[in-house]
C-alpha cells in the first residue's frame, strides 16, 4: 500500500520487514512439510509469563499446571501441529494480487500437507470434546489442526479438533488457486454435504452462532475457480479459469459494476448487468500461456465486450 501511495520510505521499511519475516519462516519454521509454531517465552521483552513460572510475581496457578507450563510453554498453542489456516496470509495476498517474498513452493507444500493431514473423509473415529455438532459421525470435514508428527500439547488451542466451514472454504479456495483443484473441491463437497442433508440448515453454516460471518470465505471460491481479479487503479482485468469446461461462465462484482464473464472455445465475453466496468487491459491465462491485450473500453449493461481468442495470439 505504501508503494501504491508513493510512500517510498515506508515502503522500503515494510518490504525489509516482510523479507526478514519470510526468511525466518523458511529457515526456522518450515519442517519439510509445513510451517509450524516455535513456542517461545524466554528472551522476550514481556517477561510476565516467565516471572510467573519463576515465582517472581503472585499467581493462583496450581503447581501441577506450573510443571506443565514449564515443559510446554503457554497454554493454547499448536507447536508442531499442522494448522489449517497456517498460510492464510498467503491466501489473502493471492486474492489481492500481492507478490510475497515467501517461497511459493513452500506455500504449495504447506497446502498439500493441510489437505493430507487434516481432511477426514469420515469423522467416525475422530474425538472432539468441544462442539461436535459442526461435523460428526461418518461426515467428512477439515480439522482445524492435527499433529502428524506427534507432540500434541496437553492444552492445545481449544478449537483444534473442530471443523469450521469458514476455514474449509479458505483452504479450499487457496488450494484451487494454486492448481490443486481436486483437493479444494473435495473440501467444498464435504462442507456442503453436511449442510444439505436434511440435518442442518443449508443457509446457515453456524459456528460460534447462527449465520456466522467466517463462512463468507466461500465467496473466495468464485475468484479461485475463475482467476478473476480487477484493479480499478490500473483498469486491468485478470482471468484464469481453473476448470476446462467450455463455455465457462462466472459472476463477478467490482466497486463500479457487476456482471458475468464467459469463456468459450473462440472468445471471451465481458457482460455488465448493472453499473459499468472500465477496462484498459485484459490478462487471460490458459494453462501455461498468458495472453494480454489492450481493451480500452467501458463495458455497460446491454453492450457486452467480446474478444476473439485468435486475436490474442
Protein backbone atom coordinates (compact mmCIF):
# COMPACT_ATOMS: atom_id res chain seq x y z
CA UNK A 1 0.00 0.00 0.00
CA UNK A 2 2.88 2.34 0.79
CA UNK A 3 4.33 1.76 -2.67
CA UNK A 4 0.97 2.44 -4.34
CA UNK A 5 0.69 5.70 -2.41
CA UNK A 6 4.26 6.77 -3.22
CA UNK A 7 5.43 6.49 0.38
CA UNK A 8 8.88 5.27 -0.61
CA UNK A 9 10.42 5.45 2.87
CA UNK A 10 7.66 3.40 4.47
CA UNK A 11 7.59 1.02 1.51
CA UNK A 12 11.26 0.20 1.99
CA UNK A 13 10.95 -0.48 5.73
CA UNK A 14 7.85 -2.63 5.31
CA UNK A 15 9.48 -4.59 2.49
CA UNK A 16 12.57 -5.25 4.62
CA UNK A 17 10.35 -6.44 7.47
CA UNK A 18 8.44 -8.76 5.11
CA UNK A 19 11.67 -10.20 3.72
CA UNK A 20 13.12 -10.82 7.19
CA UNK A 21 9.90 -12.48 8.29
CA UNK A 22 9.79 -14.68 5.20
CA UNK A 23 13.44 -15.66 5.61
CA UNK A 24 12.88 -16.62 9.25
CA UNK A 25 9.75 -18.62 8.41
CA UNK A 26 11.54 -20.56 5.65
CA UNK A 27 14.67 -21.29 7.69
CA UNK A 28 13.26 -21.73 11.19
CA UNK A 29 9.61 -22.74 10.89
CA UNK A 30 9.27 -24.91 7.78
CA UNK A 31 9.74 -28.56 8.77
CA UNK A 32 9.80 -30.02 5.26
CA UNK A 33 6.02 -30.36 5.05
CA UNK A 34 4.50 -27.26 6.60
CA UNK A 35 5.21 -24.20 8.72
CA UNK A 36 4.98 -24.97 12.41
CA UNK A 37 4.93 -22.78 15.50
CA UNK A 38 8.02 -22.03 17.56
CA UNK A 39 6.70 -21.68 21.10
CA UNK A 40 8.90 -19.18 22.92
CA UNK A 41 8.62 -17.37 26.22
CA UNK A 42 12.25 -16.82 27.18
CA UNK A 43 14.21 -13.88 25.84
CA UNK A 44 11.09 -11.76 25.20
CA UNK A 45 10.52 -8.13 26.19
CA UNK A 46 7.36 -9.19 28.02
CA UNK A 47 8.58 -11.28 30.96
CA UNK A 48 5.25 -11.71 32.79
CA UNK A 49 4.85 -15.39 31.88
CA UNK A 50 8.45 -16.23 32.81
CA UNK A 51 8.13 -14.24 36.05
CA UNK A 52 5.09 -16.34 36.98
CA UNK A 53 6.95 -19.60 36.31
CA UNK A 54 9.91 -18.47 38.39
CA UNK A 55 7.73 -17.25 41.25
CA UNK A 56 8.72 -13.61 40.82
CA UNK A 57 5.11 -12.46 40.89
CA UNK A 58 1.96 -13.57 42.67
CA UNK A 59 -0.34 -16.04 40.95
CA UNK A 60 -3.02 -18.62 41.76
CA UNK A 61 -1.78 -21.28 39.33
CA UNK A 62 -1.51 -24.80 40.75
CA UNK A 63 1.88 -26.48 40.98
CA UNK A 64 0.67 -29.21 38.61
CA UNK A 65 -0.14 -26.65 35.93
CA UNK A 66 3.13 -24.81 36.53
CA UNK A 67 5.06 -28.02 35.86
CA UNK A 68 3.19 -28.44 32.58
CA UNK A 69 3.76 -24.81 31.57
CA UNK A 70 7.47 -25.10 32.29
CA UNK A 71 7.59 -28.11 29.98
CA UNK A 72 5.36 -26.90 27.12
CA UNK A 73 5.17 -23.14 27.45
CA UNK A 74 1.96 -21.05 27.45
CA UNK A 75 -1.43 -22.74 27.09
CA UNK A 76 -3.44 -22.91 23.88
CA UNK A 77 -0.61 -23.13 21.32
CA UNK A 78 -0.21 -25.64 18.48
CA UNK A 79 3.60 -26.01 18.31
CA UNK A 80 4.49 -28.81 15.84
CA UNK A 81 0.90 -29.11 14.65
CA UNK A 82 -0.29 -28.70 11.07
CA UNK A 83 -2.79 -25.86 11.39
CA UNK A 84 -5.29 -25.37 8.57
CA UNK A 85 -5.03 -21.59 8.38
CA UNK A 86 -1.24 -21.67 8.69
CA UNK A 87 -0.72 -19.80 5.39
CA UNK A 88 -3.84 -17.64 5.49
CA UNK A 89 -1.75 -14.52 4.84
CA UNK A 90 -0.54 -16.01 1.56
CA UNK A 91 -4.19 -16.70 0.66
CA UNK A 92 -5.08 -13.05 1.23
CA UNK A 93 -2.08 -11.87 -0.78
CA UNK A 94 -3.13 -14.16 -3.65
CA UNK A 95 -6.61 -12.64 -3.66
CA UNK A 96 -5.25 -9.09 -3.61
CA UNK A 97 -2.63 -9.77 -6.28
CA UNK A 98 0.32 -9.05 -3.98
CA UNK A 99 3.63 -10.82 -4.53
CA UNK A 100 5.20 -12.29 -1.41
CA UNK A 101 8.87 -12.82 -0.56
CA UNK A 102 7.83 -16.24 0.79
CA UNK A 103 8.80 -19.19 -1.44
CA UNK A 104 5.62 -20.17 -3.39
CA UNK A 105 6.78 -23.80 -3.47
CA UNK A 106 6.69 -23.93 0.32
CA UNK A 107 3.21 -22.40 0.38
CA UNK A 108 2.02 -25.08 -2.02
CA UNK A 109 3.69 -27.81 0.04
CA UNK A 110 2.00 -26.47 3.16
CA UNK A 111 -1.40 -26.53 1.46
CA UNK A 112 -0.86 -30.11 0.28
CA UNK A 113 0.09 -31.10 3.83
CA UNK A 114 -3.01 -29.44 5.25
CA UNK A 115 -5.24 -31.48 2.96
CA UNK A 116 -3.27 -34.69 3.51
CA UNK A 117 -3.16 -34.46 7.30
CA UNK A 118 -6.31 -32.56 8.26
CA UNK A 119 -9.01 -33.69 5.84
CA UNK A 120 -11.08 -36.64 7.04
CA UNK A 121 -13.40 -38.49 4.68
CA UNK A 122 -15.11 -39.80 7.83
CA UNK A 123 -15.03 -38.41 11.36
CA UNK A 124 -16.40 -41.59 12.90
CA UNK A 125 -13.16 -42.28 14.78
CA UNK A 126 -12.27 -38.66 15.49
CA UNK A 127 -12.58 -37.46 19.09
CA UNK A 128 -13.83 -33.88 19.55
CA UNK A 129 -14.76 -32.72 23.03
CA UNK A 130 -15.64 -29.17 22.02
CA UNK A 131 -18.56 -28.65 19.59
CA UNK A 132 -19.02 -31.86 17.60
CA UNK A 133 -22.31 -30.69 16.09
CA UNK A 134 -20.44 -28.89 13.32
CA UNK A 135 -19.26 -32.20 11.86
CA UNK A 136 -19.56 -35.70 13.27
CA UNK A 137 -20.03 -39.39 12.60
CA UNK A 138 -19.50 -40.51 9.02
CA UNK A 139 -19.48 -36.93 7.76
CA UNK A 140 -16.34 -35.56 6.11
CA UNK A 141 -14.55 -32.39 7.12
CA UNK A 142 -11.30 -30.48 7.51
CA UNK A 143 -9.93 -30.37 11.05
CA UNK A 144 -8.55 -27.09 12.29
CA UNK A 145 -5.30 -28.76 13.28
CA UNK A 146 -3.60 -32.13 13.56
CA UNK A 147 -0.29 -33.38 14.89
CA UNK A 148 1.06 -35.81 12.27
CA UNK A 149 4.49 -35.73 13.93
CA UNK A 150 3.15 -36.28 17.42
CA UNK A 151 3.91 -33.98 20.36
CA UNK A 152 0.38 -32.61 20.61
CA UNK A 153 0.30 -30.16 23.55
CA UNK A 154 -1.64 -31.28 26.58
CA UNK A 155 -3.55 -27.99 26.42
CA UNK A 156 -3.64 -27.00 22.72
CA UNK A 157 -5.81 -24.16 21.44
CA UNK A 158 -9.36 -25.19 22.40
CA UNK A 159 -10.86 -25.46 18.91
CA UNK A 160 -8.14 -27.58 17.35
CA UNK A 161 -10.34 -30.69 16.97
CA UNK A 162 -13.30 -28.83 15.45
CA UNK A 163 -14.39 -28.35 11.83
CA UNK A 164 -15.30 -24.83 10.67
CA UNK A 165 -16.75 -24.16 7.21
CA UNK A 166 -15.07 -20.74 7.16
CA UNK A 167 -11.64 -22.37 7.39
CA UNK A 168 -12.67 -25.10 4.96
CA UNK A 169 -13.60 -22.52 2.30
CA UNK A 170 -10.42 -20.56 2.94
CA UNK A 171 -8.24 -23.64 2.47
CA UNK A 172 -10.31 -24.92 -0.46
CA UNK A 173 -10.12 -21.65 -2.39
CA UNK A 174 -6.38 -21.39 -1.71
CA UNK A 175 -5.82 -24.95 -2.93
CA UNK A 176 -7.80 -24.25 -6.09
CA UNK A 177 -5.96 -21.00 -6.81
CA UNK A 178 -2.66 -22.88 -6.53
CA UNK A 179 -3.81 -25.51 -9.02
CA UNK A 180 -4.82 -28.21 -6.50
CA UNK A 181 -8.38 -28.14 -7.81
CA UNK A 182 -9.50 -31.68 -6.96
CA UNK A 183 -8.40 -31.33 -3.34
CA UNK A 184 -10.13 -27.98 -2.98
CA UNK A 185 -13.40 -29.20 -4.45
CA UNK A 186 -13.30 -32.27 -2.20
CA UNK A 187 -13.32 -29.98 0.84
CA UNK A 188 -16.19 -27.90 -0.60
CA UNK A 189 -18.18 -31.06 -1.30
CA UNK A 190 -17.70 -32.16 2.32
CA UNK A 191 -18.85 -28.83 3.74
CA UNK A 192 -21.91 -28.54 1.53
CA UNK A 193 -22.87 -32.18 2.11
CA UNK A 194 -23.05 -31.57 5.85
CA UNK A 195 -25.36 -28.59 5.37
CA UNK A 196 -27.51 -30.06 2.64
CA UNK A 197 -28.53 -33.43 4.01
CA UNK A 198 -31.65 -32.55 5.97
CA UNK A 199 -29.75 -32.36 9.26
CA UNK A 200 -28.65 -28.71 9.16
CA UNK A 201 -29.97 -25.51 7.63
CA UNK A 202 -28.26 -25.15 4.21
CA UNK A 203 -28.49 -21.34 4.53
CA UNK A 204 -26.94 -21.13 7.99
CA UNK A 205 -23.44 -22.54 8.35
CA UNK A 206 -23.30 -21.76 12.05
CA UNK A 207 -20.11 -21.74 14.10
CA UNK A 208 -19.94 -19.55 17.20
CA UNK A 209 -23.53 -18.59 16.44
CA UNK A 210 -26.09 -18.60 13.66
CA UNK A 211 -25.17 -17.07 10.29
CA UNK A 212 -21.57 -16.80 11.43
CA UNK A 213 -19.55 -14.46 9.19
CA UNK A 214 -16.50 -16.71 8.68
CA UNK A 215 -18.49 -18.89 6.27
CA UNK A 216 -18.50 -15.93 3.87
CA UNK A 217 -14.99 -17.07 2.93
CA UNK A 218 -16.95 -19.21 0.46
CA UNK A 219 -17.14 -16.15 -1.81
CA UNK A 220 -13.40 -16.59 -2.46
CA UNK A 221 -14.26 -19.77 -4.39
CA UNK A 222 -15.52 -17.64 -7.29
CA UNK A 223 -12.21 -15.88 -7.62
CA UNK A 224 -10.24 -19.08 -7.12
CA UNK A 225 -12.09 -21.09 -9.79
CA UNK A 226 -12.21 -18.24 -12.29
CA UNK A 227 -8.95 -16.50 -11.51
CA UNK A 228 -10.89 -13.23 -11.74
CA UNK A 229 -9.28 -10.11 -10.32
CA UNK A 230 -9.78 -6.47 -11.23
CA UNK A 231 -7.71 -3.39 -10.45
CA UNK A 232 -9.69 -0.16 -10.66
CA UNK A 233 -6.42 1.79 -10.43
CA UNK A 234 -4.84 0.04 -13.42
CA UNK A 235 -8.20 -0.75 -15.07
CA UNK A 236 -6.87 -4.25 -15.65
CA UNK A 237 -8.87 -7.48 -15.58
CA UNK A 238 -7.24 -10.84 -14.87
CA UNK A 239 -8.95 -14.11 -15.76
CA UNK A 240 -7.58 -17.64 -15.25
CA UNK A 241 -10.24 -20.40 -15.22
CA UNK A 242 -9.16 -23.47 -13.28
CA UNK A 243 -11.74 -25.69 -14.98
CA UNK A 244 -11.50 -26.82 -18.60
CA UNK A 245 -15.27 -26.74 -19.10
CA UNK A 246 -16.35 -24.58 -22.05
CA UNK A 247 -18.26 -22.41 -22.04
CA UNK A 248 -17.04 -21.31 -18.61
CA UNK A 249 -19.21 -18.53 -17.20
CA UNK A 250 -18.85 -16.85 -13.80
CA UNK A 251 -20.30 -13.94 -11.86
CA UNK A 252 -18.06 -11.00 -10.97
CA UNK A 253 -18.55 -7.91 -8.84
CA UNK A 254 -16.47 -4.74 -8.57
CA UNK A 255 -16.95 -1.33 -6.95
CA UNK A 256 -18.43 0.12 -10.14
CA UNK A 257 -20.49 -2.74 -11.53
CA UNK A 258 -21.28 -6.42 -11.65
CA UNK A 259 -21.98 -8.98 -14.33
CA UNK A 260 -20.59 -12.14 -15.91
CA UNK A 261 -17.52 -13.25 -17.80
CA UNK A 262 -17.85 -16.11 -20.27
CA UNK A 263 -15.05 -18.00 -21.96
CA UNK A 264 -15.78 -20.41 -24.79
CA UNK A 265 -13.50 -22.04 -27.32
CA UNK A 266 -13.32 -18.97 -29.51
CA UNK A 267 -13.99 -15.88 -27.42
CA UNK A 268 -14.02 -14.11 -24.08
CA UNK A 269 -17.12 -12.02 -23.32
CA UNK A 270 -17.48 -9.46 -20.51
CA UNK A 271 -21.10 -8.53 -19.76
CA UNK A 272 -22.21 -5.95 -17.21
CA UNK A 273 -25.64 -6.37 -15.64
CA UNK A 274 -25.60 -3.12 -13.65
CA UNK A 275 -23.11 -0.27 -13.39
CA UNK A 276 -20.04 -0.16 -15.61
CA UNK A 277 -16.55 -1.59 -15.91
CA UNK A 278 -13.64 0.37 -17.37
CA UNK A 279 -11.05 -1.94 -18.95
CA UNK A 280 -7.73 -0.90 -20.44
CA UNK A 281 -6.10 -4.31 -20.41
CA UNK A 282 -7.12 -7.95 -20.08
CA UNK A 283 -4.77 -10.71 -18.97
CA UNK A 284 -6.09 -14.18 -19.81
CA UNK A 285 -4.17 -17.21 -18.54
CA UNK A 286 -4.93 -20.63 -20.00
CA UNK A 287 -2.69 -23.37 -18.65
CA UNK A 288 0.92 -22.28 -19.13
CA UNK A 289 0.07 -19.46 -21.55
CA UNK A 290 -0.81 -15.90 -20.59
CA UNK A 291 -2.39 -13.74 -23.27
CA UNK A 292 -2.55 -9.98 -22.80
CA UNK A 293 -4.27 -7.40 -24.97
CA UNK A 294 -5.45 -3.81 -24.83
CA UNK A 295 -9.20 -3.40 -24.41
CA UNK A 296 -9.57 0.36 -23.75
CA UNK A 297 -13.32 0.24 -23.29
CA UNK A 298 -16.09 0.85 -20.76
CA UNK A 299 -18.50 -2.07 -20.60
CA UNK A 300 -22.11 -1.13 -19.83
CA UNK A 301 -25.40 -3.02 -19.49
CA UNK A 302 -26.70 -4.36 -22.79
CA UNK A 303 -23.36 -3.74 -24.51
CA UNK A 304 -21.09 -6.70 -23.77
CA UNK A 305 -17.48 -6.69 -24.94
CA UNK A 306 -16.42 -9.74 -26.90
CA UNK A 307 -12.82 -10.62 -27.66
CA UNK A 308 -11.86 -13.31 -30.15
CA UNK A 309 -9.22 -15.66 -28.85
CA UNK A 310 -7.46 -15.73 -32.21
CA UNK A 311 -6.89 -12.01 -31.77
CA UNK A 312 -4.95 -12.67 -28.60
CA UNK A 313 -2.20 -14.72 -30.24
